[in-house]
């Protein structure tokens, strides 16, 4: 594994910890490669109405349900972050968020420069869009940490069964969840660019629930 790949994954975990401690300490979540769940997350994908011409989701017209409004607000806030990344952040091709509101980490990984400074993964140049990301994560729908843990555990088991024996399990502590994956993201023995790893990732991506892609 090269140092850039390792540092990108470590950066993403640090970033998620900073803006969504309840995701890593899992009361909530953010989203590089591939998803544990929540009571809300199974339904999140259908929350926003059809996107409008400028890419934003329409509001839930006529609905007085706070949950729907909250999910729509999450999407809108993530869209604000995406627009910041494209303008101030220096990542003009930064992908739209999913309709669920979560960032599209597989697409973000595709545009990440392996020789760059990780702007794509950490809020743009000099973290200029970090405030927008932080605000978006405050609006993330509440997650079920037990379901998230079970999903990540199934994913970790699948990764090991598919040729990545070093892949570690997530851990639960004090009602929160820490993702598994690299035993040491800064000094990893896992080659994330190898065909074997990519094949395992593809085979196991269905084990992760919406919003946890890229977290382990």
N, C-alpha and C. Protein backbone atom coordinates (compact mmCIF):
# COMPACT_ATOMS: atom_id res chain seq x y z
N UNK A 1 0.84 -1.18 0.00
CA UNK A 1 0.00 0.00 0.00
C UNK A 1 0.87 1.23 0.00
N UNK A 2 0.56 2.26 -0.80
CA UNK A 2 1.40 3.45 -0.80
C UNK A 2 0.96 4.41 0.30
N UNK A 3 1.86 5.34 0.63
CA UNK A 3 1.62 6.23 1.76
C UNK A 3 0.42 7.14 1.52
N UNK A 4 0.17 7.48 0.24
CA UNK A 4 -0.95 8.37 -0.07
C UNK A 4 -2.28 7.69 0.21
N UNK A 5 -2.36 6.41 -0.17
CA UNK A 5 -3.59 5.66 0.08
C UNK A 5 -3.83 5.55 1.58
N UNK A 6 -2.77 5.21 2.32
CA UNK A 6 -2.92 5.07 3.76
C UNK A 6 -3.34 6.38 4.40
N UNK A 7 -2.69 7.47 3.99
CA UNK A 7 -3.01 8.75 4.62
C UNK A 7 -4.41 9.21 4.26
N UNK A 8 -4.90 8.90 3.03
CA UNK A 8 -6.25 9.28 2.66
C UNK A 8 -7.26 8.60 3.55
N UNK A 9 -7.05 7.30 3.80
CA UNK A 9 -8.00 6.57 4.64
C UNK A 9 -7.94 7.07 6.07
N UNK A 10 -6.75 7.36 6.57
CA UNK A 10 -6.62 7.87 7.92
C UNK A 10 -7.26 9.25 8.02
N UNK A 11 -7.05 10.07 7.00
CA UNK A 11 -7.64 11.41 6.99
C UNK A 11 -9.15 11.32 7.03
N UNK A 12 -9.73 10.40 6.25
CA UNK A 12 -11.19 10.29 6.22
C UNK A 12 -11.73 9.91 7.58
N UNK A 13 -11.05 9.00 8.27
CA UNK A 13 -11.52 8.61 9.59
C UNK A 13 -11.39 9.75 10.58
N UNK A 14 -10.28 10.50 10.50
CA UNK A 14 -10.11 11.64 11.39
C UNK A 14 -11.17 12.70 11.10
N UNK A 15 -11.42 12.94 9.80
CA UNK A 15 -12.42 13.93 9.40
C UNK A 15 -13.79 13.54 9.92
N UNK A 16 -14.13 12.26 9.73
CA UNK A 16 -15.44 11.80 10.20
C UNK A 16 -15.53 11.91 11.71
N UNK A 17 -14.44 11.61 12.40
CA UNK A 17 -14.45 11.70 13.85
C UNK A 17 -14.67 13.14 14.30
N UNK A 18 -14.09 14.07 13.56
CA UNK A 18 -14.19 15.47 13.95
C UNK A 18 -15.58 16.04 13.70
N UNK A 19 -16.17 15.71 12.54
CA UNK A 19 -17.46 16.31 12.21
C UNK A 19 -18.64 15.45 12.61
N UNK A 20 -18.37 14.14 12.84
CA UNK A 20 -19.47 13.24 13.17
C UNK A 20 -19.03 12.24 14.21
N UNK A 21 -18.56 12.74 15.33
CA UNK A 21 -18.17 11.85 16.39
C UNK A 21 -19.25 10.84 16.66
N UNK A 22 -20.54 11.23 16.55
CA UNK A 22 -21.59 10.24 16.71
C UNK A 22 -21.62 9.22 15.58
N UNK A 23 -20.85 9.41 14.52
CA UNK A 23 -20.81 8.36 13.49
C UNK A 23 -19.73 7.37 13.85
N UNK A 24 -18.56 7.87 14.16
CA UNK A 24 -17.50 6.97 14.56
C UNK A 24 -17.78 6.48 15.98
N UNK A 25 -18.38 7.34 16.75
CA UNK A 25 -18.77 6.95 18.08
C UNK A 25 -20.25 6.67 17.94
N UNK A 26 -20.71 6.26 17.04
CA UNK A 26 -21.88 6.17 16.20
C UNK A 26 -23.24 6.43 16.84
N UNK A 27 -23.56 7.69 16.87
CA UNK A 27 -24.94 8.04 17.11
C UNK A 27 -25.47 8.59 15.81
N UNK A 28 -24.52 8.92 14.85
CA UNK A 28 -24.88 9.41 13.52
C UNK A 28 -23.85 8.96 12.51
N UNK A 29 -23.80 9.51 11.21
CA UNK A 29 -22.82 9.00 10.23
C UNK A 29 -22.48 9.90 9.04
N UNK A 30 -21.35 9.64 8.26
CA UNK A 30 -21.00 10.41 7.06
C UNK A 30 -20.70 9.52 5.87
N UNK A 31 -20.25 9.52 5.12
CA UNK A 31 -19.81 8.52 4.21
C UNK A 31 -18.69 8.60 3.52
N UNK A 32 -15.68 6.42 0.86
CA UNK A 32 -14.70 6.07 0.15
C UNK A 32 -14.71 4.86 -0.45
N UNK A 33 -15.22 4.21 -0.51
CA UNK A 33 -15.17 2.94 -1.15
C UNK A 33 -16.47 2.25 -1.05
N UNK A 34 -17.17 2.15 0.06
CA UNK A 34 -18.26 1.20 0.02
C UNK A 34 -19.21 1.16 1.18
N UNK A 35 -21.13 0.44 3.59
CA UNK A 35 -22.33 0.99 4.21
C UNK A 35 -22.66 0.24 5.54
N UNK A 36 -23.13 0.55 7.91
CA UNK A 36 -23.94 -0.18 8.86
C UNK A 36 -25.13 0.66 9.07
N UNK A 37 -26.09 0.25 9.60
CA UNK A 37 -27.37 0.86 9.40
C UNK A 37 -27.97 1.54 10.56
N UNK A 38 -29.19 1.86 10.39
CA UNK A 38 -29.92 2.57 11.39
C UNK A 38 -31.38 2.36 11.18
N UNK A 39 -32.12 2.74 12.20
CA UNK A 39 -33.56 2.62 12.05
C UNK A 39 -34.02 3.51 10.94
N UNK A 40 -33.32 4.64 10.78
CA UNK A 40 -33.72 5.56 9.73
C UNK A 40 -33.07 5.21 8.41
N UNK A 41 -31.84 4.62 8.46
CA UNK A 41 -31.06 4.52 7.24
C UNK A 41 -31.68 3.64 6.18
N UNK A 42 -32.46 2.64 6.58
CA UNK A 42 -33.07 1.78 5.58
C UNK A 42 -34.05 2.55 4.71
N UNK A 43 -34.55 3.70 5.20
CA UNK A 43 -35.55 4.46 4.48
C UNK A 43 -34.99 5.74 3.88
N UNK A 44 -33.73 6.04 4.21
CA UNK A 44 -33.17 7.33 3.85
C UNK A 44 -33.16 7.59 2.35
N UNK A 45 -32.90 6.55 1.55
CA UNK A 45 -32.73 6.76 0.12
C UNK A 45 -33.94 7.39 -0.54
N UNK A 46 -35.10 7.26 0.04
CA UNK A 46 -36.30 7.79 -0.59
C UNK A 46 -36.75 9.12 0.00
N UNK A 47 -35.90 9.69 0.86
CA UNK A 47 -36.34 10.88 1.58
C UNK A 47 -36.55 12.10 0.71
N UNK A 48 -35.49 12.58 -0.03
CA UNK A 48 -35.73 13.80 -0.79
C UNK A 48 -36.67 13.53 -1.95
N UNK A 49 -37.43 14.56 -2.35
CA UNK A 49 -38.23 14.45 -3.55
C UNK A 49 -37.30 14.46 -4.75
N UNK A 50 -37.87 14.35 -5.95
CA UNK A 50 -37.04 14.33 -7.13
C UNK A 50 -36.21 15.59 -7.21
N UNK A 51 -34.92 15.46 -7.63
CA UNK A 51 -34.07 16.64 -7.69
C UNK A 51 -34.63 17.69 -8.64
N UNK A 52 -34.39 18.95 -8.30
CA UNK A 52 -34.80 20.04 -9.16
C UNK A 52 -33.75 20.27 -10.22
N UNK A 53 -33.96 21.26 -11.08
CA UNK A 53 -33.06 21.48 -12.20
C UNK A 53 -31.64 21.77 -11.75
N UNK A 54 -31.47 22.42 -10.59
CA UNK A 54 -30.12 22.75 -10.16
C UNK A 54 -29.49 21.65 -9.32
N UNK A 55 -30.14 20.49 -9.24
CA UNK A 55 -29.57 19.35 -8.55
C UNK A 55 -30.04 19.19 -7.12
N UNK A 56 -30.75 20.16 -6.60
CA UNK A 56 -31.21 20.06 -5.22
C UNK A 56 -32.49 19.26 -5.16
N UNK A 57 -32.70 18.62 -4.02
CA UNK A 57 -33.93 17.85 -3.87
C UNK A 57 -35.06 18.79 -3.52
N UNK A 58 -36.24 18.47 -4.03
CA UNK A 58 -37.40 19.27 -3.70
C UNK A 58 -37.84 19.02 -2.29
N UNK A 59 -38.53 19.96 -1.69
CA UNK A 59 -39.02 19.79 -0.33
C UNK A 59 -40.19 18.83 -0.31
N UNK A 60 -40.44 18.29 0.85
CA UNK A 60 -41.55 17.34 1.02
C UNK A 60 -42.83 18.15 1.16
N UNK A 61 -43.41 18.50 0.02
CA UNK A 61 -44.56 19.40 0.02
C UNK A 61 -45.75 18.78 0.75
N UNK A 62 -46.33 19.61 1.60
CA UNK A 62 -47.53 19.18 2.30
C UNK A 62 -47.27 18.26 3.46
N UNK A 63 -46.00 17.91 3.70
CA UNK A 63 -45.71 16.99 4.79
C UNK A 63 -45.38 17.77 6.05
N UNK A 64 -45.93 17.33 7.15
CA UNK A 64 -45.63 17.98 8.42
C UNK A 64 -44.76 17.09 9.29
N UNK A 65 -44.24 15.98 8.70
CA UNK A 65 -43.43 15.06 9.47
C UNK A 65 -42.04 15.62 9.67
N UNK A 66 -41.61 15.80 10.93
CA UNK A 66 -40.29 16.36 11.17
C UNK A 66 -39.18 15.50 10.62
N UNK A 67 -39.36 14.16 10.60
CA UNK A 67 -38.30 13.28 10.12
C UNK A 67 -38.02 13.54 8.65
N UNK A 68 -39.05 13.68 7.84
CA UNK A 68 -38.86 13.94 6.42
C UNK A 68 -38.18 15.28 6.21
N UNK A 69 -38.62 16.28 6.98
CA UNK A 69 -38.02 17.59 6.87
C UNK A 69 -36.55 17.53 7.25
N UNK A 70 -36.24 16.76 8.30
CA UNK A 70 -34.86 16.65 8.75
C UNK A 70 -33.97 16.00 7.71
N UNK A 71 -34.48 14.97 7.06
CA UNK A 71 -33.68 14.28 6.04
C UNK A 71 -33.47 15.17 4.83
N UNK A 72 -34.49 15.91 4.47
CA UNK A 72 -34.36 16.84 3.35
C UNK A 72 -33.34 17.92 3.68
N UNK A 73 -33.35 18.39 4.93
CA UNK A 73 -32.39 19.41 5.36
C UNK A 73 -30.97 18.86 5.32
N UNK A 74 -30.81 17.58 5.66
CA UNK A 74 -29.50 16.93 5.60
C UNK A 74 -28.98 16.93 4.16
N UNK A 75 -29.84 16.56 3.22
CA UNK A 75 -29.45 16.56 1.81
C UNK A 75 -29.06 17.98 1.37
N UNK A 76 -29.88 18.95 1.71
CA UNK A 76 -29.61 20.33 1.30
C UNK A 76 -28.27 20.82 1.86
N UNK A 77 -28.00 20.46 3.12
CA UNK A 77 -26.75 20.88 3.74
C UNK A 77 -25.55 20.20 3.08
N UNK A 78 -25.70 18.94 2.72
CA UNK A 78 -24.62 18.25 2.02
C UNK A 78 -24.40 18.86 0.64
N UNK A 79 -25.47 19.29 0.00
CA UNK A 79 -25.35 19.93 -1.30
C UNK A 79 -24.58 21.25 -1.17
N UNK A 80 -24.80 21.96 -0.08
CA UNK A 80 -24.06 23.19 0.18
C UNK A 80 -22.57 22.88 0.32
N UNK A 81 -22.26 21.78 1.01
CA UNK A 81 -20.87 21.35 1.15
C UNK A 81 -20.26 21.01 -0.21
N UNK A 82 -21.01 20.28 -1.03
CA UNK A 82 -20.53 19.89 -2.35
C UNK A 82 -20.23 21.13 -3.20
N UNK A 83 -21.12 22.11 -3.16
CA UNK A 83 -20.91 23.33 -3.94
C UNK A 83 -19.68 24.08 -3.46
N UNK A 84 -19.46 24.07 -2.14
CA UNK A 84 -18.26 24.70 -1.59
C UNK A 84 -17.01 23.99 -2.10
N UNK A 85 -17.05 22.67 -2.12
CA UNK A 85 -15.90 21.90 -2.59
C UNK A 85 -15.58 22.21 -4.04
N UNK A 86 -16.63 22.42 -4.85
CA UNK A 86 -16.41 22.71 -6.27
C UNK A 86 -15.89 24.12 -6.52
N UNK A 87 -16.19 25.03 -5.63
CA UNK A 87 -15.79 26.42 -5.84
C UNK A 87 -14.59 26.78 -4.97
N UNK A 88 -14.79 26.89 -3.69
CA UNK A 88 -13.70 27.27 -2.79
C UNK A 88 -12.70 26.14 -2.55
N UNK A 89 -13.20 24.89 -2.54
CA UNK A 89 -12.35 23.76 -2.16
C UNK A 89 -11.37 23.31 -3.22
N UNK A 90 -11.55 23.77 -4.45
CA UNK A 90 -10.63 23.42 -5.51
C UNK A 90 -10.83 22.04 -6.10
N UNK A 91 -12.02 21.45 -5.88
CA UNK A 91 -12.30 20.12 -6.44
C UNK A 91 -13.52 20.27 -7.35
N UNK A 92 -13.30 20.76 -8.55
CA UNK A 92 -14.40 21.14 -9.43
C UNK A 92 -15.29 19.97 -9.83
N UNK A 93 -14.77 18.75 -9.79
CA UNK A 93 -15.56 17.57 -10.17
C UNK A 93 -16.12 16.83 -8.97
N UNK A 94 -16.15 17.47 -7.81
CA UNK A 94 -16.65 16.79 -6.61
C UNK A 94 -18.09 16.33 -6.87
N UNK A 95 -18.38 15.03 -6.62
CA UNK A 95 -19.69 14.48 -6.98
C UNK A 95 -20.83 14.94 -6.09
N UNK A 96 -22.03 14.92 -6.67
CA UNK A 96 -23.24 15.23 -5.92
C UNK A 96 -23.41 14.24 -4.77
N UNK A 97 -24.08 14.64 -3.69
CA UNK A 97 -24.41 13.66 -2.65
C UNK A 97 -25.45 12.69 -3.19
N UNK A 98 -25.57 11.55 -2.54
CA UNK A 98 -26.64 10.62 -2.88
C UNK A 98 -27.97 11.26 -2.48
N UNK A 99 -29.06 10.76 -3.03
CA UNK A 99 -30.36 11.29 -2.65
C UNK A 99 -30.66 11.08 -1.17
N UNK A 100 -29.95 10.14 -0.56
CA UNK A 100 -30.09 9.92 0.88
C UNK A 100 -29.47 11.06 1.67
N UNK A 101 -28.64 11.87 1.02
CA UNK A 101 -27.92 12.94 1.71
C UNK A 101 -26.49 12.58 2.03
N UNK A 102 -26.16 11.30 2.00
CA UNK A 102 -24.79 10.90 2.30
C UNK A 102 -23.87 11.18 1.11
N UNK A 103 -22.61 11.46 1.41
CA UNK A 103 -21.64 11.71 0.36
C UNK A 103 -21.39 10.43 -0.43
N UNK A 104 -21.05 10.60 -1.70
CA UNK A 104 -20.82 9.46 -2.59
C UNK A 104 -19.33 9.11 -2.57
N UNK A 105 -18.93 8.35 -1.54
CA UNK A 105 -17.51 8.07 -1.36
C UNK A 105 -16.87 7.27 -2.49
N UNK A 106 -17.53 6.30 -3.08
CA UNK A 106 -16.90 5.61 -4.22
C UNK A 106 -16.53 6.57 -5.33
N UNK A 107 -17.41 7.54 -5.62
CA UNK A 107 -17.11 8.52 -6.67
C UNK A 107 -16.04 9.52 -6.21
N UNK A 108 -16.04 9.85 -4.93
CA UNK A 108 -14.99 10.74 -4.40
C UNK A 108 -13.63 10.06 -4.52
N UNK A 109 -13.58 8.77 -4.22
CA UNK A 109 -12.33 8.04 -4.35
C UNK A 109 -11.80 8.07 -5.79
N UNK A 110 -12.72 7.99 -6.74
CA UNK A 110 -12.31 7.96 -8.15
C UNK A 110 -11.61 9.24 -8.58
N UNK A 111 -12.01 10.37 -7.98
CA UNK A 111 -11.42 11.65 -8.40
C UNK A 111 -10.29 12.09 -7.48
N UNK A 112 -9.97 11.28 -6.47
CA UNK A 112 -8.90 11.65 -5.54
C UNK A 112 -7.54 11.45 -6.17
N UNK A 113 -6.73 12.48 -6.19
CA UNK A 113 -5.38 12.42 -6.74
C UNK A 113 -4.48 11.67 -5.77
N UNK A 114 -3.94 10.50 -6.18
CA UNK A 114 -3.10 9.71 -5.27
C UNK A 114 -1.82 10.43 -4.87
N UNK A 115 -1.44 11.44 -5.65
CA UNK A 115 -0.22 12.19 -5.34
C UNK A 115 -0.52 13.57 -4.76
N UNK A 116 -1.79 13.83 -4.48
CA UNK A 116 -2.19 15.14 -3.97
C UNK A 116 -2.18 15.21 -2.46
N UNK A 117 -2.75 16.26 -1.94
CA UNK A 117 -2.74 16.48 -0.50
C UNK A 117 -4.00 16.01 0.20
N UNK A 118 -4.88 15.32 -0.52
CA UNK A 118 -6.09 14.78 0.11
C UNK A 118 -7.21 15.78 0.24
N UNK A 119 -7.17 16.86 -0.57
CA UNK A 119 -8.23 17.87 -0.48
C UNK A 119 -9.61 17.28 -0.69
N UNK A 120 -9.68 16.29 -1.56
CA UNK A 120 -10.98 15.69 -1.88
C UNK A 120 -11.61 15.02 -0.66
N UNK A 121 -10.76 14.57 0.26
CA UNK A 121 -11.23 13.78 1.40
C UNK A 121 -11.37 14.59 2.69
N UNK A 122 -10.82 15.78 2.71
CA UNK A 122 -10.76 16.50 3.99
C UNK A 122 -11.23 17.95 3.92
N UNK A 123 -12.26 18.18 3.13
CA UNK A 123 -12.88 19.51 3.17
C UNK A 123 -12.23 20.56 2.31
N UNK A 124 -11.56 20.15 1.24
CA UNK A 124 -10.98 21.11 0.31
C UNK A 124 -9.63 21.65 0.75
N UNK A 125 -9.07 22.55 -0.03
CA UNK A 125 -7.77 23.13 0.28
C UNK A 125 -7.80 23.85 1.62
N UNK A 126 -6.87 23.47 2.47
CA UNK A 126 -6.77 24.06 3.81
C UNK A 126 -8.06 23.89 4.62
N UNK A 127 -8.85 22.89 4.27
CA UNK A 127 -10.08 22.62 5.02
C UNK A 127 -11.11 23.73 4.92
N UNK A 128 -11.10 24.45 3.78
CA UNK A 128 -11.96 25.63 3.66
C UNK A 128 -13.45 25.29 3.76
N UNK A 129 -13.82 24.07 3.39
CA UNK A 129 -15.24 23.68 3.42
C UNK A 129 -15.60 22.86 4.65
N UNK A 130 -14.69 22.77 5.58
CA UNK A 130 -14.95 22.00 6.79
C UNK A 130 -16.17 22.51 7.55
N UNK A 131 -16.37 23.82 7.67
CA UNK A 131 -17.57 24.30 8.38
C UNK A 131 -18.87 23.82 7.73
N UNK A 132 -18.91 23.80 6.39
CA UNK A 132 -20.11 23.33 5.70
C UNK A 132 -20.34 21.85 5.96
N UNK A 133 -19.26 21.08 5.97
CA UNK A 133 -19.39 19.65 6.24
C UNK A 133 -19.86 19.42 7.67
N UNK A 134 -19.31 20.18 8.59
CA UNK A 134 -19.70 20.05 9.99
C UNK A 134 -21.18 20.36 10.19
N UNK A 135 -21.65 21.41 9.53
CA UNK A 135 -23.06 21.77 9.63
C UNK A 135 -23.95 20.67 9.05
N UNK A 136 -23.51 20.07 7.93
CA UNK A 136 -24.29 18.98 7.33
C UNK A 136 -24.40 17.80 8.27
N UNK A 137 -23.30 17.46 8.95
CA UNK A 137 -23.33 16.29 9.80
C UNK A 137 -24.20 16.49 11.04
N UNK A 138 -24.40 17.73 11.43
CA UNK A 138 -25.29 18.00 12.56
C UNK A 138 -26.74 17.64 12.21
N UNK A 139 -27.04 17.61 10.90
CA UNK A 139 -28.40 17.34 10.44
C UNK A 139 -28.61 15.89 10.02
N UNK A 140 -27.59 15.08 10.17
CA UNK A 140 -27.70 13.68 9.74
C UNK A 140 -28.76 12.94 10.55
N UNK A 141 -29.59 12.15 9.90
CA UNK A 141 -30.61 11.38 10.63
C UNK A 141 -29.98 10.47 11.69
N UNK A 142 -30.68 10.32 12.77
CA UNK A 142 -30.19 9.49 13.86
C UNK A 142 -30.03 8.04 13.41
N UNK A 143 -28.93 7.41 13.86
CA UNK A 143 -28.65 6.04 13.47
C UNK A 143 -28.80 5.10 14.66
N UNK A 144 -28.93 3.82 14.35
CA UNK A 144 -28.99 2.77 15.36
C UNK A 144 -27.60 2.14 15.45
N UNK A 145 -26.87 2.42 16.51
CA UNK A 145 -25.49 1.97 16.60
C UNK A 145 -25.36 0.45 16.62
N UNK A 146 -26.34 -0.24 17.18
CA UNK A 146 -26.27 -1.70 17.20
C UNK A 146 -26.37 -2.27 15.80
N UNK A 147 -27.29 -1.73 15.00
CA UNK A 147 -27.42 -2.20 13.62
C UNK A 147 -26.19 -1.83 12.80
N UNK A 148 -25.65 -0.64 13.05
CA UNK A 148 -24.44 -0.24 12.36
C UNK A 148 -23.29 -1.19 12.69
N UNK A 149 -23.16 -1.52 13.96
CA UNK A 149 -22.11 -2.45 14.38
C UNK A 149 -22.27 -3.81 13.70
N UNK A 150 -23.49 -4.33 13.71
CA UNK A 150 -23.73 -5.64 13.10
C UNK A 150 -23.42 -5.62 11.60
N UNK A 151 -23.76 -4.52 10.96
CA UNK A 151 -23.49 -4.41 9.53
C UNK A 151 -21.99 -4.36 9.25
N UNK A 152 -21.27 -3.56 10.02
CA UNK A 152 -19.83 -3.46 9.81
C UNK A 152 -19.12 -4.76 10.18
N UNK A 153 -19.63 -5.46 11.18
CA UNK A 153 -19.05 -6.75 11.56
C UNK A 153 -19.22 -7.76 10.42
N UNK A 154 -20.42 -7.78 9.82
CA UNK A 154 -20.66 -8.68 8.69
C UNK A 154 -19.75 -8.32 7.52
N UNK A 155 -19.53 -7.02 7.32
CA UNK A 155 -18.65 -6.58 6.23
C UNK A 155 -17.21 -6.99 6.49
N UNK A 156 -16.73 -6.81 7.73
CA UNK A 156 -15.36 -7.18 8.07
C UNK A 156 -15.14 -8.68 7.91
N UNK A 157 -16.11 -9.47 8.36
CA UNK A 157 -16.02 -10.92 8.21
C UNK A 157 -15.96 -11.31 6.74
N UNK A 158 -16.79 -10.67 5.93
CA UNK A 158 -16.81 -10.93 4.49
C UNK A 158 -15.47 -10.57 3.86
N UNK A 159 -14.88 -9.46 4.25
CA UNK A 159 -13.59 -9.05 3.69
C UNK A 159 -12.52 -10.09 3.99
N UNK A 160 -12.49 -10.60 5.20
CA UNK A 160 -11.50 -11.62 5.54
C UNK A 160 -11.75 -12.91 4.75
N UNK A 161 -13.00 -13.26 4.62
CA UNK A 161 -13.34 -14.49 3.88
C UNK A 161 -13.02 -14.37 2.39
N UNK A 162 -12.91 -13.14 1.92
CA UNK A 162 -12.64 -12.92 0.51
C UNK A 162 -11.20 -12.46 0.24
N UNK A 163 -10.29 -12.86 1.12
CA UNK A 163 -8.87 -12.67 0.81
C UNK A 163 -8.17 -11.49 1.44
N UNK A 164 -8.80 -10.84 2.46
CA UNK A 164 -8.12 -9.74 3.15
C UNK A 164 -8.07 -10.11 4.64
N UNK A 165 -7.17 -11.02 5.01
CA UNK A 165 -7.15 -11.57 6.38
C UNK A 165 -6.82 -10.55 7.47
N UNK A 166 -6.18 -9.43 7.10
CA UNK A 166 -5.81 -8.44 8.12
C UNK A 166 -6.96 -7.51 8.51
N UNK A 167 -8.07 -7.59 7.78
CA UNK A 167 -9.18 -6.67 7.99
C UNK A 167 -9.78 -6.89 9.38
N UNK A 168 -9.77 -5.84 10.21
CA UNK A 168 -10.21 -5.99 11.60
C UNK A 168 -11.70 -5.73 11.78
N UNK A 169 -12.24 -6.23 12.88
CA UNK A 169 -13.65 -6.03 13.22
C UNK A 169 -13.89 -4.63 13.80
N UNK A 170 -15.11 -4.12 13.67
CA UNK A 170 -15.47 -2.89 14.38
C UNK A 170 -15.54 -3.21 15.87
N UNK A 171 -15.56 -2.19 16.69
CA UNK A 171 -15.66 -2.40 18.14
C UNK A 171 -16.76 -1.53 18.72
N UNK A 172 -17.40 -2.04 19.76
CA UNK A 172 -18.43 -1.29 20.48
C UNK A 172 -17.87 -0.87 21.83
N UNK A 173 -18.14 0.38 22.20
CA UNK A 173 -17.68 0.86 23.49
C UNK A 173 -18.59 1.99 23.96
N UNK A 174 -19.19 1.81 25.10
CA UNK A 174 -20.03 2.85 25.66
C UNK A 174 -21.21 3.21 24.78
N UNK A 175 -21.72 2.24 24.05
CA UNK A 175 -22.86 2.50 23.17
C UNK A 175 -22.48 3.08 21.83
N UNK A 176 -21.18 3.28 21.60
CA UNK A 176 -20.73 3.81 20.31
C UNK A 176 -19.98 2.75 19.53
N UNK A 177 -19.69 3.06 18.26
CA UNK A 177 -19.04 2.10 17.39
C UNK A 177 -17.83 2.73 16.72
N UNK A 178 -16.72 1.99 16.71
CA UNK A 178 -15.54 2.39 15.96
C UNK A 178 -15.38 1.42 14.80
N UNK A 179 -15.28 1.92 13.56
CA UNK A 179 -15.16 1.02 12.41
C UNK A 179 -13.90 0.15 12.47
N UNK A 180 -13.95 -0.96 11.77
CA UNK A 180 -12.78 -1.82 11.62
C UNK A 180 -12.05 -1.47 10.33
N UNK A 181 -11.26 -2.42 9.84
CA UNK A 181 -10.53 -2.20 8.59
C UNK A 181 -9.05 -2.33 8.78
N UNK A 182 -8.32 -1.25 8.49
CA UNK A 182 -6.87 -1.25 8.66
C UNK A 182 -6.50 -1.40 10.13
N UNK A 183 -5.60 -2.34 10.44
CA UNK A 183 -5.10 -2.42 11.83
C UNK A 183 -4.42 -1.11 12.22
N UNK A 184 -3.71 -0.50 11.27
CA UNK A 184 -3.05 0.79 11.48
C UNK A 184 -3.10 1.56 10.17
N UNK A 185 -4.05 2.49 10.01
CA UNK A 185 -4.21 3.20 8.74
C UNK A 185 -2.96 3.92 8.26
N UNK A 186 -2.08 4.33 9.17
CA UNK A 186 -0.87 5.06 8.77
C UNK A 186 0.29 4.14 8.43
N UNK A 187 0.18 2.88 8.78
CA UNK A 187 1.25 1.93 8.49
C UNK A 187 0.62 0.58 8.14
N UNK A 188 -0.21 0.59 7.13
CA UNK A 188 -1.05 -0.56 6.84
C UNK A 188 -0.33 -1.64 6.04
N UNK A 189 -0.71 -2.87 6.32
CA UNK A 189 -0.22 -4.00 5.53
C UNK A 189 -1.24 -4.39 4.46
N UNK A 190 -2.35 -3.67 4.42
CA UNK A 190 -3.39 -3.94 3.42
C UNK A 190 -3.15 -3.06 2.20
N UNK A 191 -3.04 -3.69 1.04
CA UNK A 191 -2.87 -2.93 -0.21
C UNK A 191 -4.25 -2.64 -0.79
N UNK A 192 -4.71 -1.43 -0.60
CA UNK A 192 -6.06 -1.05 -1.04
C UNK A 192 -6.17 -0.89 -2.55
N UNK A 193 -5.04 -0.92 -3.24
CA UNK A 193 -5.06 -0.80 -4.70
C UNK A 193 -4.91 -2.15 -5.40
N UNK A 194 -4.73 -3.20 -4.63
CA UNK A 194 -4.52 -4.52 -5.23
C UNK A 194 -5.82 -5.07 -5.81
N UNK A 195 -5.73 -5.86 -6.88
CA UNK A 195 -6.94 -6.48 -7.45
C UNK A 195 -7.69 -7.32 -6.42
N UNK A 196 -6.96 -8.02 -5.56
CA UNK A 196 -7.61 -8.87 -4.56
C UNK A 196 -8.45 -8.04 -3.59
N UNK A 197 -7.92 -6.91 -3.15
CA UNK A 197 -8.67 -6.05 -2.23
C UNK A 197 -9.90 -5.48 -2.92
N UNK A 198 -9.73 -5.02 -4.14
CA UNK A 198 -10.85 -4.42 -4.86
C UNK A 198 -11.95 -5.45 -5.11
N UNK A 199 -11.55 -6.69 -5.40
CA UNK A 199 -12.54 -7.74 -5.62
C UNK A 199 -13.30 -8.04 -4.33
N UNK A 200 -12.58 -8.06 -3.21
CA UNK A 200 -13.24 -8.31 -1.92
C UNK A 200 -14.18 -7.16 -1.59
N UNK A 201 -13.75 -5.94 -1.87
CA UNK A 201 -14.57 -4.77 -1.60
C UNK A 201 -15.88 -4.85 -2.39
N UNK A 202 -15.77 -5.24 -3.63
CA UNK A 202 -16.95 -5.35 -4.48
C UNK A 202 -17.87 -6.46 -3.98
N UNK A 203 -17.27 -7.58 -3.58
CA UNK A 203 -18.07 -8.73 -3.12
C UNK A 203 -18.79 -8.42 -1.81
N UNK A 204 -18.21 -7.56 -0.99
CA UNK A 204 -18.74 -7.33 0.36
C UNK A 204 -19.49 -6.02 0.53
N UNK A 205 -19.57 -5.20 -0.50
CA UNK A 205 -20.17 -3.88 -0.34
C UNK A 205 -21.63 -3.93 0.10
N UNK A 206 -22.32 -5.00 -0.27
CA UNK A 206 -23.72 -5.13 0.12
C UNK A 206 -23.93 -5.37 1.60
N UNK A 207 -22.86 -5.66 2.32
CA UNK A 207 -22.97 -5.90 3.77
C UNK A 207 -23.11 -4.60 4.55
N UNK A 208 -22.68 -3.50 3.93
CA UNK A 208 -22.71 -2.21 4.62
C UNK A 208 -24.02 -1.48 4.35
N UNK A 209 -24.58 -0.90 5.37
CA UNK A 209 -25.81 -0.15 5.23
C UNK A 209 -25.53 1.27 4.75
N UNK A 210 -26.56 1.91 4.25
CA UNK A 210 -26.46 3.27 3.74
C UNK A 210 -25.81 4.21 4.75
N UNK A 211 -24.83 4.97 4.26
CA UNK A 211 -24.20 5.96 5.11
C UNK A 211 -22.90 5.51 5.75
N UNK A 212 -22.55 4.23 5.63
CA UNK A 212 -21.31 3.75 6.23
C UNK A 212 -20.24 3.43 5.20
N UNK A 213 -20.54 3.66 3.93
CA UNK A 213 -19.53 3.39 2.90
C UNK A 213 -18.34 4.29 3.14
N UNK A 214 -17.16 3.70 3.05
CA UNK A 214 -15.94 4.45 3.25
C UNK A 214 -15.50 4.54 4.68
N UNK A 215 -16.30 4.04 5.62
CA UNK A 215 -15.93 4.16 7.03
C UNK A 215 -15.05 3.01 7.49
N UNK A 216 -15.03 1.91 6.76
CA UNK A 216 -14.09 0.84 7.09
C UNK A 216 -13.77 0.06 5.82
